[in-house]
Amino acid sequence: MSITNRLKEYLETSGVSYTHCTHRLAYTAQGVAAAQHVKGREMAKTVILRTADKFLMAVLPALHKVDITALESALPYDHVTLATESDFAVLFPDCEVGAMAPFGNLYGLPVFVDTELTRDSEIVFNAGTHTDTIRMTYADFDRLVQPTVLSLTHQLAPA
């Protein structure tokens, strides 16, 4: 499998310039960042959240962790929790589980982006597999996805 057809077609139809790269197999955002020689703050990881009645997509830097308490206070949803892979696998039929691109709009999900991710001009993210990534400008991502930008994370301690 390569970059998902849905994502590729969307980017090309929208006239977005992007770079598709491949890397060694990696299952974590920090592992992908290391494999791609990308700063952790530029590597956008996708986290799926669950509320009482819907799923949400959070997009944050690889070096950050979702702050559920901050999210619950900032969002108009009750009982926000991290979704499990078995919860959301069916939502992304054209992606490997855990390798979803941060384009919730393509799957009917609201997207929330951490403010830290907006500080760099480019972002890198999984493109539907654990070996493919896309690099594009944050401005293009913002224009296409129109996410809600919030402070929704805290930085992980260095390893």
N, C-alpha and C. Protein backbone atom coordinates (compact mmCIF):
# COMPACT_ATOMS: atom_id res chain seq x y z
N MET A 1 0.85 -1.18 0.00
CA MET A 1 0.00 0.00 0.00
C MET A 1 0.89 1.24 0.00
N SER A 2 0.44 2.28 -0.62
CA SER A 2 1.16 3.55 -0.65
C SER A 2 0.22 4.63 -0.13
N ILE A 3 0.56 5.87 -0.38
CA ILE A 3 -0.31 6.97 0.03
C ILE A 3 -1.74 6.65 -0.43
N THR A 4 -2.69 6.88 0.42
CA THR A 4 -4.06 6.51 0.06
C THR A 4 -4.53 7.30 -1.16
N ASN A 5 -5.28 6.63 -2.00
CA ASN A 5 -5.80 7.29 -3.21
C ASN A 5 -6.68 8.48 -2.85
N ARG A 6 -7.46 8.33 -1.80
CA ARG A 6 -8.35 9.41 -1.37
C ARG A 6 -7.54 10.67 -1.04
N LEU A 7 -6.46 10.51 -0.28
CA LEU A 7 -5.62 11.64 0.11
C LEU A 7 -4.89 12.22 -1.10
N LYS A 8 -4.31 11.36 -1.90
CA LYS A 8 -3.56 11.82 -3.08
C LYS A 8 -4.46 12.62 -4.02
N GLU A 9 -5.63 12.09 -4.31
CA GLU A 9 -6.57 12.77 -5.20
C GLU A 9 -7.01 14.11 -4.61
N TYR A 10 -7.27 14.13 -3.31
CA TYR A 10 -7.70 15.37 -2.65
C TYR A 10 -6.62 16.45 -2.75
N LEU A 11 -5.38 16.09 -2.46
CA LEU A 11 -4.29 17.06 -2.51
C LEU A 11 -4.06 17.55 -3.94
N GLU A 12 -4.09 16.64 -4.89
CA GLU A 12 -3.83 17.04 -6.28
C GLU A 12 -4.99 17.86 -6.86
N THR A 13 -6.21 17.47 -6.56
CA THR A 13 -7.38 18.23 -7.03
C THR A 13 -7.39 19.63 -6.42
N SER A 14 -6.88 19.75 -5.19
CA SER A 14 -6.85 21.04 -4.50
C SER A 14 -5.65 21.89 -4.91
N GLY A 15 -4.78 21.35 -5.77
CA GLY A 15 -3.62 22.10 -6.24
C GLY A 15 -2.55 22.30 -5.19
N VAL A 16 -2.47 21.37 -4.24
CA VAL A 16 -1.50 21.49 -3.15
C VAL A 16 -0.18 20.84 -3.54
N SER A 17 0.88 21.56 -3.29
CA SER A 17 2.22 21.02 -3.50
C SER A 17 2.61 20.22 -2.26
N TYR A 18 3.07 19.00 -2.46
CA TYR A 18 3.47 18.15 -1.34
C TYR A 18 4.59 17.23 -1.77
N THR A 19 5.27 16.66 -0.81
CA THR A 19 6.32 15.68 -1.07
C THR A 19 5.91 14.38 -0.40
N HIS A 20 5.94 13.31 -1.16
CA HIS A 20 5.65 11.97 -0.64
C HIS A 20 6.99 11.28 -0.39
N CYS A 21 7.18 10.76 0.80
CA CYS A 21 8.42 10.05 1.15
C CYS A 21 8.07 8.68 1.72
N THR A 22 9.03 7.80 1.63
CA THR A 22 8.89 6.49 2.27
C THR A 22 10.02 6.35 3.28
N HIS A 23 9.83 5.48 4.25
CA HIS A 23 10.81 5.28 5.31
C HIS A 23 10.69 3.85 5.82
N ARG A 24 11.62 3.48 6.68
CA ARG A 24 11.55 2.16 7.29
C ARG A 24 10.29 2.08 8.16
N LEU A 25 9.82 0.89 8.37
CA LEU A 25 8.62 0.67 9.15
C LEU A 25 8.73 1.31 10.54
N ALA A 26 7.73 2.12 10.89
CA ALA A 26 7.70 2.78 12.20
C ALA A 26 6.24 2.92 12.63
N TYR A 27 5.98 2.60 13.89
CA TYR A 27 4.60 2.61 14.39
C TYR A 27 4.26 3.80 15.28
N THR A 28 5.25 4.56 15.70
CA THR A 28 4.97 5.72 16.54
C THR A 28 5.37 6.99 15.80
N ALA A 29 4.75 8.10 16.16
CA ALA A 29 5.07 9.37 15.50
C ALA A 29 6.54 9.74 15.72
N GLN A 30 7.05 9.49 16.92
CA GLN A 30 8.47 9.79 17.17
C GLN A 30 9.37 8.87 16.36
N GLY A 31 8.94 7.62 16.16
CA GLY A 31 9.71 6.69 15.32
C GLY A 31 9.72 7.13 13.86
N VAL A 32 8.58 7.61 13.37
CA VAL A 32 8.50 8.12 12.00
C VAL A 32 9.38 9.36 11.86
N ALA A 33 9.31 10.27 12.85
CA ALA A 33 10.13 11.48 12.80
C ALA A 33 11.61 11.12 12.72
N ALA A 34 12.04 10.16 13.52
CA ALA A 34 13.44 9.74 13.49
C ALA A 34 13.79 9.11 12.14
N ALA A 35 12.90 8.26 11.61
CA ALA A 35 13.16 7.60 10.32
C ALA A 35 13.23 8.61 9.17
N GLN A 36 12.47 9.70 9.29
CA GLN A 36 12.42 10.72 8.24
C GLN A 36 13.39 11.87 8.50
N HIS A 37 14.10 11.83 9.65
CA HIS A 37 15.01 12.91 10.04
C HIS A 37 14.27 14.24 10.10
N VAL A 38 13.12 14.20 10.75
CA VAL A 38 12.25 15.36 10.90
C VAL A 38 12.20 15.72 12.38
N LYS A 39 12.18 17.01 12.68
CA LYS A 39 12.04 17.45 14.07
C LYS A 39 10.69 16.99 14.60
N GLY A 40 10.67 16.54 15.85
CA GLY A 40 9.44 16.06 16.46
C GLY A 40 8.31 17.07 16.46
N ARG A 41 8.65 18.36 16.52
CA ARG A 41 7.60 19.39 16.53
C ARG A 41 6.95 19.55 15.16
N GLU A 42 7.62 19.09 14.08
CA GLU A 42 7.06 19.18 12.73
C GLU A 42 6.28 17.93 12.35
N MET A 43 6.49 16.85 13.08
CA MET A 43 5.81 15.59 12.80
C MET A 43 4.43 15.62 13.44
N ALA A 44 3.40 15.64 12.62
CA ALA A 44 2.02 15.70 13.11
C ALA A 44 1.49 14.28 13.34
N LYS A 45 1.11 14.01 14.56
CA LYS A 45 0.50 12.71 14.83
C LYS A 45 -1.00 12.89 14.98
N THR A 46 -1.70 11.88 14.53
CA THR A 46 -3.16 11.88 14.56
C THR A 46 -3.63 11.01 15.71
N VAL A 47 -4.46 11.58 16.56
CA VAL A 47 -5.02 10.86 17.70
C VAL A 47 -6.53 10.91 17.56
N ILE A 48 -7.16 9.75 17.70
CA ILE A 48 -8.63 9.69 17.61
C ILE A 48 -9.21 9.67 19.02
N LEU A 49 -10.16 10.53 19.21
CA LEU A 49 -10.84 10.67 20.50
C LEU A 49 -12.28 10.22 20.37
N ARG A 50 -12.83 9.81 21.48
CA ARG A 50 -14.22 9.35 21.48
C ARG A 50 -15.00 10.16 22.51
N THR A 51 -16.20 10.55 22.13
CA THR A 51 -17.12 11.19 23.07
C THR A 51 -18.29 10.23 23.24
N ALA A 52 -19.31 10.67 23.95
CA ALA A 52 -20.47 9.81 24.16
C ALA A 52 -21.12 9.39 22.85
N ASP A 53 -21.07 10.28 21.83
CA ASP A 53 -21.80 9.96 20.60
C ASP A 53 -21.04 10.18 19.30
N LYS A 54 -19.74 10.50 19.37
CA LYS A 54 -19.01 10.71 18.12
C LYS A 54 -17.51 10.56 18.31
N PHE A 55 -16.81 10.49 17.17
CA PHE A 55 -15.36 10.46 17.17
C PHE A 55 -14.84 11.82 16.74
N LEU A 56 -13.67 12.19 17.24
CA LEU A 56 -13.00 13.44 16.92
C LEU A 56 -11.56 13.12 16.54
N MET A 57 -10.94 14.00 15.77
CA MET A 57 -9.54 13.83 15.41
C MET A 57 -8.74 14.97 16.02
N ALA A 58 -7.71 14.62 16.76
CA ALA A 58 -6.78 15.61 17.30
C ALA A 58 -5.46 15.44 16.57
N VAL A 59 -4.84 16.56 16.22
CA VAL A 59 -3.56 16.53 15.51
C VAL A 59 -2.57 17.33 16.34
N LEU A 60 -1.46 16.71 16.67
CA LEU A 60 -0.50 17.32 17.57
C LEU A 60 0.92 16.95 17.21
N PRO A 61 1.89 17.70 17.71
CA PRO A 61 3.29 17.35 17.42
C PRO A 61 3.65 15.99 18.04
N ALA A 62 4.56 15.28 17.41
CA ALA A 62 4.97 13.95 17.88
C ALA A 62 5.45 13.96 19.32
N LEU A 63 6.06 15.05 19.74
CA LEU A 63 6.62 15.12 21.09
C LEU A 63 5.60 15.50 22.15
N HIS A 64 4.34 15.56 21.79
CA HIS A 64 3.30 15.98 22.73
C HIS A 64 2.31 14.86 22.99
N LYS A 65 1.59 15.02 24.09
CA LYS A 65 0.57 14.06 24.49
C LYS A 65 -0.73 14.83 24.71
N VAL A 66 -1.84 14.24 24.32
CA VAL A 66 -3.15 14.88 24.50
C VAL A 66 -3.42 15.08 25.98
N ASP A 67 -3.91 16.26 26.32
CA ASP A 67 -4.32 16.59 27.68
C ASP A 67 -5.85 16.50 27.71
N ILE A 68 -6.34 15.37 28.14
CA ILE A 68 -7.79 15.11 28.14
C ILE A 68 -8.55 16.14 28.98
N THR A 69 -8.00 16.53 30.11
CA THR A 69 -8.66 17.52 30.97
C THR A 69 -8.81 18.85 30.23
N ALA A 70 -7.75 19.29 29.55
CA ALA A 70 -7.82 20.54 28.79
C ALA A 70 -8.83 20.43 27.66
N LEU A 71 -8.85 19.28 27.01
CA LEU A 71 -9.80 19.06 25.92
C LEU A 71 -11.24 19.13 26.41
N GLU A 72 -11.52 18.46 27.51
CA GLU A 72 -12.89 18.46 28.02
C GLU A 72 -13.36 19.86 28.38
N SER A 73 -12.42 20.71 28.88
CA SER A 73 -12.84 22.08 29.20
C SER A 73 -12.99 22.94 27.96
N ALA A 74 -12.23 22.63 26.90
CA ALA A 74 -12.25 23.48 25.70
C ALA A 74 -13.30 23.06 24.68
N LEU A 75 -13.72 21.81 24.71
CA LEU A 75 -14.65 21.30 23.70
C LEU A 75 -16.08 21.20 24.24
N PRO A 76 -17.03 21.31 23.35
CA PRO A 76 -18.44 21.22 23.78
C PRO A 76 -18.94 19.77 23.86
N TYR A 77 -18.06 18.85 24.27
CA TYR A 77 -18.45 17.44 24.35
C TYR A 77 -18.19 16.94 25.76
N ASP A 78 -19.01 16.01 26.19
CA ASP A 78 -18.82 15.38 27.49
C ASP A 78 -18.07 14.07 27.32
N HIS A 79 -17.36 13.70 28.34
CA HIS A 79 -16.71 12.40 28.41
C HIS A 79 -15.77 12.13 27.22
N VAL A 80 -14.79 12.98 27.03
CA VAL A 80 -13.80 12.78 25.98
C VAL A 80 -12.76 11.78 26.48
N THR A 81 -12.54 10.73 25.68
CA THR A 81 -11.53 9.72 26.01
C THR A 81 -10.72 9.40 24.76
N LEU A 82 -9.57 8.78 24.95
CA LEU A 82 -8.82 8.28 23.81
C LEU A 82 -9.55 7.07 23.25
N ALA A 83 -9.71 7.02 21.95
CA ALA A 83 -10.34 5.86 21.32
C ALA A 83 -9.29 4.76 21.16
N THR A 84 -9.72 3.55 21.19
CA THR A 84 -8.80 2.43 20.95
C THR A 84 -8.74 2.15 19.45
N GLU A 85 -7.70 1.47 19.02
CA GLU A 85 -7.59 1.14 17.60
C GLU A 85 -8.79 0.32 17.14
N SER A 86 -9.29 -0.57 17.98
CA SER A 86 -10.45 -1.36 17.57
C SER A 86 -11.69 -0.48 17.45
N ASP A 87 -11.76 0.62 18.22
CA ASP A 87 -12.88 1.56 18.12
C ASP A 87 -12.92 2.23 16.75
N PHE A 88 -11.76 2.66 16.25
CA PHE A 88 -11.75 3.50 15.06
C PHE A 88 -11.25 2.86 13.77
N ALA A 89 -10.80 1.64 13.81
CA ALA A 89 -10.26 0.99 12.61
C ALA A 89 -11.24 1.04 11.44
N VAL A 90 -12.51 0.86 11.71
CA VAL A 90 -13.53 0.85 10.67
C VAL A 90 -13.75 2.23 10.04
N LEU A 91 -13.37 3.29 10.75
CA LEU A 91 -13.57 4.65 10.23
C LEU A 91 -12.63 4.98 9.08
N PHE A 92 -11.50 4.28 8.99
CA PHE A 92 -10.46 4.57 8.00
C PHE A 92 -10.15 3.31 7.19
N PRO A 93 -11.08 2.85 6.36
CA PRO A 93 -10.91 1.57 5.67
C PRO A 93 -9.75 1.54 4.68
N ASP A 94 -9.29 2.70 4.23
CA ASP A 94 -8.20 2.73 3.26
C ASP A 94 -6.84 3.01 3.90
N CYS A 95 -6.79 2.96 5.23
CA CYS A 95 -5.54 3.24 5.96
C CYS A 95 -5.16 2.03 6.82
N GLU A 96 -3.85 1.89 7.04
CA GLU A 96 -3.41 0.93 8.04
C GLU A 96 -3.78 1.50 9.40
N VAL A 97 -4.18 0.63 10.31
CA VAL A 97 -4.63 1.07 11.62
C VAL A 97 -3.50 1.84 12.31
N GLY A 98 -3.81 3.05 12.75
CA GLY A 98 -2.84 3.89 13.44
C GLY A 98 -1.99 4.75 12.53
N ALA A 99 -2.22 4.71 11.22
CA ALA A 99 -1.41 5.50 10.28
C ALA A 99 -2.26 6.50 9.49
N MET A 100 -3.34 6.96 10.09
CA MET A 100 -4.25 7.87 9.40
C MET A 100 -3.60 9.23 9.20
N ALA A 101 -3.85 9.80 8.03
CA ALA A 101 -3.43 11.18 7.77
C ALA A 101 -4.36 12.10 8.56
N PRO A 102 -3.91 13.32 8.89
CA PRO A 102 -4.72 14.21 9.73
C PRO A 102 -5.84 14.94 8.99
N PHE A 103 -6.45 14.27 8.04
CA PHE A 103 -7.52 14.87 7.24
C PHE A 103 -8.86 14.26 7.64
N GLY A 104 -9.29 14.57 8.86
CA GLY A 104 -10.58 14.07 9.34
C GLY A 104 -11.72 14.50 8.46
N ASN A 105 -11.58 15.64 7.79
CA ASN A 105 -12.63 16.12 6.89
C ASN A 105 -12.93 15.12 5.78
N LEU A 106 -11.97 14.29 5.41
CA LEU A 106 -12.21 13.27 4.37
C LEU A 106 -13.01 12.09 4.91
N TYR A 107 -13.14 12.01 6.24
CA TYR A 107 -13.82 10.89 6.87
C TYR A 107 -14.99 11.35 7.75
N GLY A 108 -15.37 12.61 7.61
CA GLY A 108 -16.51 13.12 8.36
C GLY A 108 -16.23 13.39 9.83
N LEU A 109 -14.98 13.61 10.19
CA LEU A 109 -14.63 13.86 11.58
C LEU A 109 -14.20 15.31 11.80
N PRO A 110 -14.65 15.93 12.88
CA PRO A 110 -14.13 17.26 13.21
C PRO A 110 -12.65 17.13 13.58
N VAL A 111 -11.85 18.13 13.20
CA VAL A 111 -10.41 18.09 13.44
C VAL A 111 -10.02 19.24 14.36
N PHE A 112 -9.23 18.90 15.37
CA PHE A 112 -8.70 19.87 16.33
C PHE A 112 -7.18 19.78 16.28
N VAL A 113 -6.52 20.92 16.10
CA VAL A 113 -5.06 20.97 15.98
C VAL A 113 -4.50 21.71 17.18
N ASP A 114 -3.42 21.16 17.74
CA ASP A 114 -2.74 21.83 18.84
C ASP A 114 -2.01 23.06 18.32
N THR A 115 -2.06 24.14 19.09
CA THR A 115 -1.43 25.40 18.68
C THR A 115 0.06 25.24 18.37
N GLU A 116 0.73 24.35 19.06
CA GLU A 116 2.17 24.15 18.83
C GLU A 116 2.46 23.73 17.39
N LEU A 117 1.57 22.98 16.78
CA LEU A 117 1.80 22.49 15.42
C LEU A 117 1.72 23.61 14.39
N THR A 118 1.07 24.69 14.74
CA THR A 118 0.89 25.80 13.80
C THR A 118 2.12 26.70 13.71
N ARG A 119 3.09 26.49 14.56
CA ARG A 119 4.25 27.39 14.66
C ARG A 119 5.30 27.16 13.56
N ASP A 120 5.29 26.01 12.93
CA ASP A 120 6.25 25.73 11.85
C ASP A 120 5.57 25.89 10.50
N SER A 121 6.34 26.23 9.50
CA SER A 121 5.75 26.46 8.18
C SER A 121 5.36 25.16 7.49
N GLU A 122 5.99 24.05 7.84
CA GLU A 122 5.66 22.76 7.22
C GLU A 122 5.35 21.71 8.27
N ILE A 123 4.56 20.74 7.87
CA ILE A 123 4.29 19.58 8.71
C ILE A 123 4.52 18.32 7.90
N VAL A 124 4.80 17.24 8.61
CA VAL A 124 4.97 15.91 8.03
C VAL A 124 4.00 15.00 8.76
N PHE A 125 3.38 14.08 8.04
CA PHE A 125 2.41 13.20 8.68
C PHE A 125 2.30 11.87 7.94
N ASN A 126 1.80 10.86 8.65
CA ASN A 126 1.55 9.56 8.01
C ASN A 126 0.55 9.75 6.89
N ALA A 127 0.74 8.96 5.83
CA ALA A 127 -0.12 9.08 4.66
C ALA A 127 -0.93 7.81 4.43
N GLY A 128 -1.35 7.18 5.52
CA GLY A 128 -2.19 6.00 5.41
C GLY A 128 -1.48 4.68 5.63
N THR A 129 -0.14 4.73 5.73
CA THR A 129 0.63 3.52 6.01
C THR A 129 1.68 3.84 7.06
N HIS A 130 2.35 2.79 7.52
CA HIS A 130 3.42 2.96 8.49
C HIS A 130 4.78 3.14 7.80
N THR A 131 4.76 3.35 6.48
CA THR A 131 6.01 3.57 5.73
C THR A 131 5.94 4.76 4.77
N ASP A 132 4.82 5.46 4.73
CA ASP A 132 4.66 6.60 3.81
C ASP A 132 4.32 7.86 4.60
N THR A 133 4.93 8.96 4.20
CA THR A 133 4.61 10.25 4.80
C THR A 133 4.41 11.30 3.71
N ILE A 134 3.76 12.37 4.11
CA ILE A 134 3.58 13.55 3.27
C ILE A 134 4.18 14.73 4.01
N ARG A 135 4.87 15.60 3.27
CA ARG A 135 5.34 16.89 3.79
C ARG A 135 4.62 17.96 2.97
N MET A 136 4.03 18.91 3.67
CA MET A 136 3.35 20.01 3.01
C MET A 136 3.36 21.22 3.93
N THR A 137 2.95 22.36 3.41
CA THR A 137 2.93 23.54 4.26
C THR A 137 1.76 23.45 5.23
N TYR A 138 1.98 24.01 6.42
CA TYR A 138 0.89 24.05 7.37
C TYR A 138 -0.25 24.93 6.82
N ALA A 139 0.10 25.98 6.11
CA ALA A 139 -0.92 26.89 5.56
C ALA A 139 -1.87 26.13 4.63
N ASP A 140 -1.35 25.25 3.77
CA ASP A 140 -2.20 24.46 2.88
C ASP A 140 -3.06 23.49 3.68
N PHE A 141 -2.45 22.84 4.68
CA PHE A 141 -3.21 21.94 5.54
C PHE A 141 -4.37 22.68 6.19
N ASP A 142 -4.09 23.85 6.75
CA ASP A 142 -5.11 24.65 7.42
C ASP A 142 -6.22 25.04 6.45
N ARG A 143 -5.84 25.43 5.25
CA ARG A 143 -6.83 25.84 4.24
C ARG A 143 -7.75 24.68 3.85
N LEU A 144 -7.19 23.49 3.71
CA LEU A 144 -7.97 22.34 3.27
C LEU A 144 -8.83 21.75 4.39
N VAL A 145 -8.25 21.62 5.57
CA VAL A 145 -8.94 20.93 6.66
C VAL A 145 -9.80 21.88 7.50
N GLN A 146 -9.39 23.14 7.60
CA GLN A 146 -10.06 24.13 8.43
C GLN A 146 -10.30 23.62 9.85
N PRO A 147 -9.19 23.20 10.50
CA PRO A 147 -9.34 22.66 11.85
C PRO A 147 -9.60 23.75 12.88
N THR A 148 -10.07 23.34 14.03
CA THR A 148 -10.17 24.22 15.17
C THR A 148 -8.82 24.13 15.88
N VAL A 149 -8.19 25.28 16.11
CA VAL A 149 -6.88 25.31 16.74
C VAL A 149 -7.05 25.61 18.23
N LEU A 150 -6.51 24.72 19.06
CA LEU A 150 -6.63 24.82 20.53
C LEU A 150 -5.32 24.39 21.17
N SER A 151 -5.15 24.78 22.40
CA SER A 151 -4.04 24.24 23.19
C SER A 151 -4.59 22.96 23.82
N LEU A 152 -4.19 21.82 23.29
CA LEU A 152 -4.79 20.57 23.75
C LEU A 152 -3.78 19.51 24.17
N THR A 153 -2.52 19.93 24.37
CA THR A 153 -1.51 18.94 24.73
C THR A 153 -0.55 19.47 25.78
N HIS A 154 0.30 18.58 26.22
CA HIS A 154 1.48 18.96 26.98
C HIS A 154 2.64 18.15 26.41
N GLN A 155 3.84 18.72 26.52
CA GLN A 155 5.01 18.08 25.92
C GLN A 155 5.45 16.90 26.76
N LEU A 156 5.84 15.83 26.07
CA LEU A 156 6.37 14.66 26.76
C LEU A 156 7.76 14.96 27.27
N ALA A 157 8.14 14.33 28.36
CA ALA A 157 9.50 14.49 28.87
C ALA A 157 10.47 13.86 27.88
N PRO A 158 11.64 14.47 27.69
CA PRO A 158 12.63 13.89 26.76
C PRO A 158 13.02 12.49 27.20
N ALA A 159 13.28 11.63 26.22
CA ALA A 159 13.64 10.24 26.53
C ALA A 159 15.07 10.16 27.04
